[in-house]
PDB file of N, CA and C in Angstrom:
ATOM      1  N   MET A   1      -4.491  -5.173  27.033  1.00  0.00           N
ATOM      2  CA  MET A   1      -5.165  -4.608  25.792  1.00  0.00           C
ATOM      3  C   MET A   1      -6.224  -5.766  25.700  1.00  0.00           C
ATOM      4  N   SER A   2      -6.049  -6.827  25.970  1.00  0.00           N
ATOM      5  CA  SER A   2      -6.864  -8.075  25.530  1.00  0.00           C
ATOM      6  C   SER A   2      -8.328  -7.750  25.470  1.00  0.00           C
ATOM      7  N   ASN A   3      -9.153  -7.249  26.604  1.00  0.00           N
ATOM      8  CA  ASN A   3     -10.426  -6.872  26.550  1.00  0.00           C
ATOM      9  C   ASN A   3     -10.702  -5.364  26.380  1.00  0.00           C
ATOM     10  N   ASP A   4      -9.803  -4.712  25.915  1.00  0.00           N
ATOM     11  CA  ASP A   4      -9.919  -3.395  26.244  1.00  0.00           C
ATOM     12  C   ASP A   4     -10.803  -2.554  25.002  1.00  0.00           C
ATOM     13  N   LYS A   5     -12.052  -2.323  25.380  1.00  0.00           N
ATOM     14  CA  LYS A   5     -12.648  -1.860  24.116  1.00  0.00           C
ATOM     15  C   LYS A   5     -12.306  -0.299  23.520  1.00  0.00           C
ATOM     16  N   SER A   6     -11.348   0.314  24.249  1.00  0.00           N
ATOM     17  CA  SER A   6     -11.000   1.496  23.629  1.00  0.00           C
ATOM     18  C   SER A   6     -10.282   1.563  22.311  1.00  0.00           C
ATOM     19  N   MET A   7      -9.784   0.287  21.858  1.00  0.00           N
ATOM     20  CA  MET A   7      -9.009   0.418  20.569  1.00  0.00           C
ATOM     21  C   MET A   7     -10.239   0.187  19.539  1.00  0.00           C
ATOM     22  N   ASP A   8     -11.498  -0.078  19.862  1.00  0.00           N
ATOM     23  CA  ASP A   8     -12.406   0.045  18.777  1.00  0.00           C
ATOM     24  C   ASP A   8     -12.649   1.266  17.960  1.00  0.00           C
ATOM     25  N   LYS A   9     -12.467   2.533  18.821  1.00  0.00           N
ATOM     26  CA  LYS A   9     -12.591   3.719  18.214  1.00  0.00           C
ATOM     27  C   LYS A   9     -11.495   3.888  16.952  1.00  0.00           C
ATOM     28  N   PHE A  10     -10.167   3.261  16.782  1.00  0.00           N
ATOM     29  CA  PHE A  10      -9.519   3.372  15.842  1.00  0.00           C
ATOM     30  C   PHE A  10      -9.976   2.764  14.563  1.00  0.00           C
ATOM     31  N   GLY A  11     -11.024   2.115  14.596  1.00  0.00           N
ATOM     32  CA  GLY A  11     -11.500   1.319  13.267  1.00  0.00           C
ATOM     33  C   GLY A  11     -10.863  -0.315  13.455  1.00  0.00           C
ATOM     34  N   ASN A  12     -11.310  -0.974  12.578  1.00  0.00           N
ATOM     35  CA  ASN A  12     -11.163  -2.571  12.589  1.00  0.00           C
ATOM     36  C   ASN A  12      -9.790  -2.713  12.270  1.00  0.00           C
ATOM     37  N   SER A  13      -8.959  -1.964  11.391  1.00  0.00           N
ATOM     38  CA  SER A  13      -7.704  -2.345  11.089  1.00  0.00           C
ATOM     39  C   SER A  13      -6.715  -2.339  12.252  1.00  0.00           C
ATOM     40  N   ALA A  14      -6.679  -1.238  13.024  1.00  0.00           N
ATOM     41  CA  ALA A  14      -5.865  -1.321  14.208  1.00  0.00           C
ATOM     42  C   ALA A  14      -6.074  -2.410  15.264  1.00  0.00           C
ATOM     43  N   SER A  15      -7.325  -2.223  15.623  1.00  0.00           N
ATOM     44  CA  SER A  15      -7.858  -3.248  16.777  1.00  0.00           C
ATOM     45  C   SER A  15      -7.938  -4.778  16.324  1.00  0.00           C
ATOM     46  N   ASP A  16      -8.139  -5.055  14.966  1.00  0.00           N
ATOM     47  CA  ASP A  16      -8.115  -6.414  14.513  1.00  0.00           C
ATOM     48  C   ASP A  16      -6.551  -6.696  14.599  1.00  0.00           C
ATOM     49  N   LEU A  17      -5.733  -5.920  14.169  1.00  0.00           N
ATOM     50  CA  LEU A  17      -3.998  -6.340  14.234  1.00  0.00           C
ATOM     51  C   LEU A  17      -3.641  -6.507  15.662  1.00  0.00           C
ATOM     52  N   ILE A  18      -3.936  -5.812  16.299  1.00  0.00           N
ATOM     53  CA  ILE A  18      -3.816  -6.007  17.772  1.00  0.00           C
ATOM     54  C   ILE A  18      -4.220  -7.317  18.367  1.00  0.00           C
ATOM     55  N   ARG A  19      -5.339  -7.679  18.111  1.00  0.00           N
ATOM     56  CA  ARG A  19      -6.139  -9.053  18.521  1.00  0.00           C
ATOM     57  C   ARG A  19      -5.506 -10.188  18.025  1.00  0.00           C
ATOM     58  N   ARG A  20      -5.246  -9.796  16.571  1.00  0.00           N
ATOM     59  CA  ARG A  20      -4.701 -11.147  16.009  1.00  0.00           C
ATOM     60  C   ARG A  20      -3.142 -11.157  16.492  1.00  0.00           C
ATOM     61  N   MET A  21      -2.539 -10.398  16.581  1.00  0.00           N
ATOM     62  CA  MET A  21      -0.954 -10.491  17.526  1.00  0.00           C
ATOM     63  C   MET A  21      -1.115 -11.359  18.837  1.00  0.00           C
ATOM     64  N   GLU A  22      -2.179 -10.575  19.645  1.00  0.00           N
ATOM     65  CA  GLU A  22      -2.214 -11.193  20.902  1.00  0.00           C
ATOM     66  C   GLU A  22      -2.550 -12.777  20.714  1.00  0.00           C
ATOM     67  N   GLY A  23      -3.686 -12.903  19.997  1.00  0.00           N
ATOM     68  CA  GLY A  23      -4.355 -14.413  19.522  1.00  0.00           C
ATOM     69  C   GLY A  23      -3.071 -15.181  19.281  1.00  0.00           C
ATOM     70  N   ARG A  24      -1.957 -14.736  18.610  1.00  0.00           N
ATOM     71  CA  ARG A  24      -0.566 -15.568  18.112  1.00  0.00           C
ATOM     72  C   ARG A  24       0.552 -15.415  19.161  1.00  0.00           C
ATOM     73  N   ASP A  25       0.091 -15.267  20.522  1.00  0.00           N
ATOM     74  CA  ASP A  25       1.070 -15.228  21.649  1.00  0.00           C
ATOM     75  C   ASP A  25       2.229 -14.072  21.503  1.00  0.00           C
ATOM     76  N   TYR A  26       1.800 -12.744  20.838  1.00  0.00           N
ATOM     77  CA  TYR A  26       2.526 -11.704  21.001  1.00  0.00           C
ATOM     78  C   TYR A  26       2.210 -10.762  22.263  1.00  0.00           C
ATOM     79  N   ILE A  27       2.944 -10.176  22.638  1.00  0.00           N
ATOM     80  CA  ILE A  27       3.097  -9.191  23.852  1.00  0.00           C
ATOM     81  C   ILE A  27       2.901  -7.772  22.851  1.00  0.00           C
ATOM     82  N   VAL A  28       1.747  -7.150  23.171  1.00  0.00           N
ATOM     83  CA  VAL A  28       1.449  -5.878  22.302  1.00  0.00           C
ATOM     84  C   VAL A  28       1.082  -4.599  23.103  1.00  0.00           C
ATOM     85  N   ARG A  29       1.839  -3.646  22.889  1.00  0.00           N
ATOM     86  CA  ARG A  29       1.583  -2.272  23.842  1.00  0.00           C
ATOM     87  C   ARG A  29       1.424  -1.280  22.749  1.00  0.00           C
ATOM     88  N   TYR A  30       0.661  -0.260  23.107  1.00  0.00           N
ATOM     89  CA  TYR A  30       0.332   0.868  22.019  1.00  0.00           C
ATOM     90  C   TYR A  30      -0.125   2.096  22.643  1.00  0.00           C
ATOM     91  N   GLN A  31       0.428   3.381  22.148  1.00  0.00           N
ATOM     92  CA  GLN A  31       0.187   4.527  22.586  1.00  0.00           C
ATOM     93  C   GLN A  31      -0.561   5.104  21.675  1.00  0.00           C
ATOM     94  N   VAL A  32      -1.772   6.338  22.090  1.00  0.00           N
ATOM     95  CA  VAL A  32      -2.529   6.947  21.170  1.00  0.00           C
ATOM     96  C   VAL A  32      -2.176   8.414  21.484  1.00  0.00           C
ATOM     97  N   SER A  33      -2.750   9.245  20.348  1.00  0.00           N
ATOM     98  CA  SER A  33      -2.600  10.664  20.390  1.00  0.00           C
ATOM     99  C   SER A  33      -3.246  11.110  21.621  1.00  0.00           C
ATOM    100  N   SER A  34      -2.729  12.692  21.914  1.00  0.00           N
ATOM    101  CA  SER A  34      -3.159  13.160  23.402  1.00  0.00           C
ATOM    102  C   SER A  34      -4.778  13.370  22.944  1.00  0.00           C
ATOM    103  N   ASP A  35      -5.191  13.605  21.691  1.00  0.00           N
ATOM    104  CA  ASP A  35      -6.663  13.609  21.506  1.00  0.00           C
ATOM    105  C   ASP A  35      -7.563  12.311  21.266  1.00  0.00           C
ATOM    106  N   GLY A  36      -6.613  11.391  21.529  1.00  0.00           N
ATOM    107  CA  GLY A  36      -7.283  10.030  21.408  1.00  0.00           C
ATOM    108  C   GLY A  36      -7.875   9.519  20.283  1.00  0.00           C
ATOM    109  N   LYS A  37      -7.394  10.064  19.218  1.00  0.00           N
ATOM    110  CA  LYS A  37      -7.964   9.768  17.841  1.00  0.00           C
ATOM    111  C   LYS A  37      -7.125   9.030  16.946  1.00  0.00           C
ATOM    112  N   ASN A  38      -5.953   8.763  17.326  1.00  0.00           N
ATOM    113  CA  ASN A  38      -4.968   8.181  16.571  1.00  0.00           C
ATOM    114  C   ASN A  38      -3.882   7.395  17.304  1.00  0.00           C
ATOM    115  N   VAL A  39      -3.459   6.388  16.699  1.00  0.00           N
ATOM    116  CA  VAL A  39      -2.567   5.095  17.315  1.00  0.00           C
ATOM    117  C   VAL A  39      -1.278   6.023  16.850  1.00  0.00           C
ATOM    118  N   LYS A  40      -0.391   6.541  18.037  1.00  0.00           N
ATOM    119  CA  LYS A  40       0.920   6.926  17.847  1.00  0.00           C
ATOM    120  C   LYS A  40       1.800   5.879  17.463  1.00  0.00           C
ATOM    121  N   SER A  41       1.870   4.734  18.186  1.00  0.00           N
ATOM    122  CA  SER A  41       2.973   3.601  18.214  1.00  0.00           C
ATOM    123  C   SER A  41       2.516   2.593  18.538  1.00  0.00           C
ATOM    124  N   ILE A  42       3.095   1.405  18.113  1.00  0.00           N
ATOM    125  CA  ILE A  42       2.669  -0.002  18.385  1.00  0.00           C
ATOM    126  C   ILE A  42       3.734  -0.656  18.671  1.00  0.00           C
ATOM    127  N   PHE A  43       4.080  -1.437  19.777  1.00  0.00           N
ATOM    128  CA  PHE A  43       5.169  -2.349  20.103  1.00  0.00           C
ATOM    129  C   PHE A  43       4.862  -3.543  20.120  1.00  0.00           C
ATOM    130  N   PHE A  44       5.472  -4.340  19.707  1.00  0.00           N
ATOM    131  CA  PHE A  44       5.022  -6.026  19.859  1.00  0.00           C
ATOM    132  C   PHE A  44       6.272  -6.858  19.724  1.00  0.00           C
ATOM    133  N   MET A  45       6.017  -7.886  20.738  1.00  0.00           N
ATOM    134  CA  MET A  45       7.271  -8.949  20.795  1.00  0.00           C
ATOM    135  C   MET A  45       6.720 -10.025  21.012  1.00  0.00           C
ATOM    136  N   HIS A  46       7.169 -11.192  20.336  1.00  0.00           N
ATOM    137  CA  HIS A  46       6.667 -12.502  20.799  1.00  0.00           C
ATOM    138  C   HIS A  46       7.121 -12.948  22.174  1.00  0.00           C
ATOM    139  N   SER A  47       6.161 -13.686  22.703  1.00  0.00           N
ATOM    140  CA  SER A  47       6.411 -14.099  24.275  1.00  0.00           C
ATOM    141  C   SER A  47       7.811 -14.908  24.331  1.00  0.00           C
ATOM    142  N   SER A  48       7.978 -15.891  23.268  1.00  0.00           N
ATOM    143  CA  SER A  48       9.214 -16.497  23.338  1.00  0.00           C
ATOM    144  C   SER A  48      10.543 -15.396  23.222  1.00  0.00           C
ATOM    145  N   ALA A  49      10.294 -14.662  22.747  1.00  0.00           N
ATOM    146  CA  ALA A  49      11.575 -13.657  22.758  1.00  0.00           C
ATOM    147  C   ALA A  49      11.686 -12.872  24.115  1.00  0.00           C
ATOM    148  N   ALA A  50      10.567 -12.603  24.560  1.00  0.00           N
ATOM    149  CA  ALA A  50      10.584 -12.205  26.069  1.00  0.00           C
ATOM    150  C   ALA A  50      11.363 -13.026  26.993  1.00  0.00           C
ATOM    151  N   ALA A  51      10.867 -14.361  26.725  1.00  0.00           N
ATOM    152  CA  ALA A  51      11.747 -15.123  27.619  1.00  0.00           C
ATOM    153  C   ALA A  51      13.040 -15.427  27.683  1.00  0.00           C
ATOM    154  N   ASP A  52      13.516 -15.362  26.267  1.00  0.00           N
ATOM    155  CA  ASP A  52      14.771 -15.264  25.750  1.00  0.00           C
ATOM    156  C   ASP A  52      15.618 -14.027  26.542  1.00  0.00           C
ATOM    157  N   ILE A  53      15.126 -13.005  26.198  1.00  0.00           N
ATOM    158  CA  ILE A  53      15.588 -11.719  26.901  1.00  0.00           C
ATOM    159  C   ILE A  53      15.928 -11.984  28.293  1.00  0.00           C
ATOM    160  N   SER A  54      14.763 -12.268  29.040  1.00  0.00           N
ATOM    161  CA  SER A  54      14.794 -12.632  30.461  1.00  0.00           C
ATOM    162  C   SER A  54      16.290 -13.474  30.984  1.00  0.00           C
ATOM    163  N   VAL A  55      16.450 -14.463  30.025  1.00  0.00           N
ATOM    164  CA  VAL A  55      17.298 -15.456  30.178  1.00  0.00           C
ATOM    165  C   VAL A  55      18.703 -14.695  29.664  1.00  0.00           C
ATOM    166  N   ARG A  56      18.815 -14.233  28.726  1.00  0.00           N
ATOM    167  CA  ARG A  56      20.140 -13.701  28.131  1.00  0.00           C
ATOM    168  C   ARG A  56      20.424 -12.388  28.473  1.00  0.00           C
ATOM    169  N   GLY A  57      19.534 -11.506  28.652  1.00  0.00           N
ATOM    170  CA  GLY A  57      19.553 -10.252  29.077  1.00  0.00           C
ATOM    171  C   GLY A  57      20.085  -9.081  27.835  1.00  0.00           C
ATOM    172  N   GLU A  58      19.902  -9.571  26.727  1.00  0.00           N
ATOM    173  CA  GLU A  58      20.445  -8.819  25.577  1.00  0.00           C
ATOM    174  C   GLU A  58      19.071  -8.257  24.657  1.00  0.00           C
ATOM    175  N   VAL A  59      19.390  -7.232  24.213  1.00  0.00           N
ATOM    176  CA  VAL A  59      18.320  -6.699  23.399  1.00  0.00           C
ATOM    177  C   VAL A  59      18.853  -6.263  21.999  1.00  0.00           C
ATOM    178  N   PHE A  60      17.949  -6.434  21.168  1.00  0.00           N
ATOM    179  CA  PHE A  60      18.327  -5.899  19.707  1.00  0.00           C
ATOM    180  C   PHE A  60      17.135  -5.256  19.202  1.00  0.00           C
ATOM    181  N   GLY A  61      17.145  -3.854  19.071  1.00  0.00           N
ATOM    182  CA  GLY A  61      16.020  -3.156  18.528  1.00  0.00           C
ATOM    183  C   GLY A  61      16.215  -2.567  17.251  1.00  0.00           C
ATOM    184  N   ILE A  62      14.821  -2.440  16.648  1.00  0.00           N
ATOM    185  CA  ILE A  62      14.785  -1.928  15.267  1.00  0.00           C
ATOM    186  C   ILE A  62      13.802  -0.930  15.085  1.00  0.00           C
ATOM    187  N   ASP A  63      14.264   0.297  14.771  1.00  0.00           N
ATOM    188  CA  ASP A  63      13.398   1.289  14.461  1.00  0.00           C
ATOM    189  C   ASP A  63      12.808   1.090  13.016  1.00  0.00           C
ATOM    190  N   ALA A  64      11.561   0.889  12.883  1.00  0.00           N
ATOM    191  CA  ALA A  64      10.797   0.602  11.547  1.00  0.00           C
ATOM    192  C   ALA A  64       9.728   1.739  11.370  1.00  0.00           C
ATOM    193  N   THR A  65      10.186   2.869  11.469  1.00  0.00           N
ATOM    194  CA  THR A  65       9.151   3.974  11.067  1.00  0.00           C
ATOM    195  C   THR A  65       8.763   4.018   9.810  1.00  0.00           C
ATOM    196  N   TYR A  66       7.382   4.446   9.514  1.00  0.00           N
ATOM    197  CA  TYR A  66       7.027   4.549   8.195  1.00  0.00           C
ATOM    198  C   TYR A  66       6.310   5.855   7.811  1.00  0.00           C
ATOM    199  N   LYS A  67       6.933   6.225   6.755  1.00  0.00           N
ATOM    200  CA  LYS A  67       6.475   7.817   6.123  1.00  0.00           C
ATOM    201  C   LYS A  67       6.540   8.718   7.246  1.00  0.00           C
ATOM    202  N   VAL A  68       7.604   9.027   7.841  1.00  0.00           N
ATOM    203  CA  VAL A  68       7.896   9.963   8.580  1.00  0.00           C
ATOM    204  C   VAL A  68       8.682  11.008   8.031  1.00  0.00           C
ATOM    205  N   ASN A  69       8.512  12.418   8.527  1.00  0.00           N
ATOM    206  CA  ASN A  69       9.232  13.349   7.921  1.00  0.00           C
ATOM    207  C   ASN A  69       8.702  13.786   6.675  1.00  0.00           C
TER     208      ASN A  69
END
């Protein structure tokens, strides 16, 4: 996503969040709605955590949904 201009259509808040996180050494992935107008989900992990997972092979996941249902 680093130089991906497609995020700009979601407004400054989403694109700024992703750029700031990438600038702080986070791995960021996101999904958009089928119409391309909304961000459906954002996944992020610090690169040091990714390195730890590759060594230890353990994963701890947290589902932090907001205002769903």
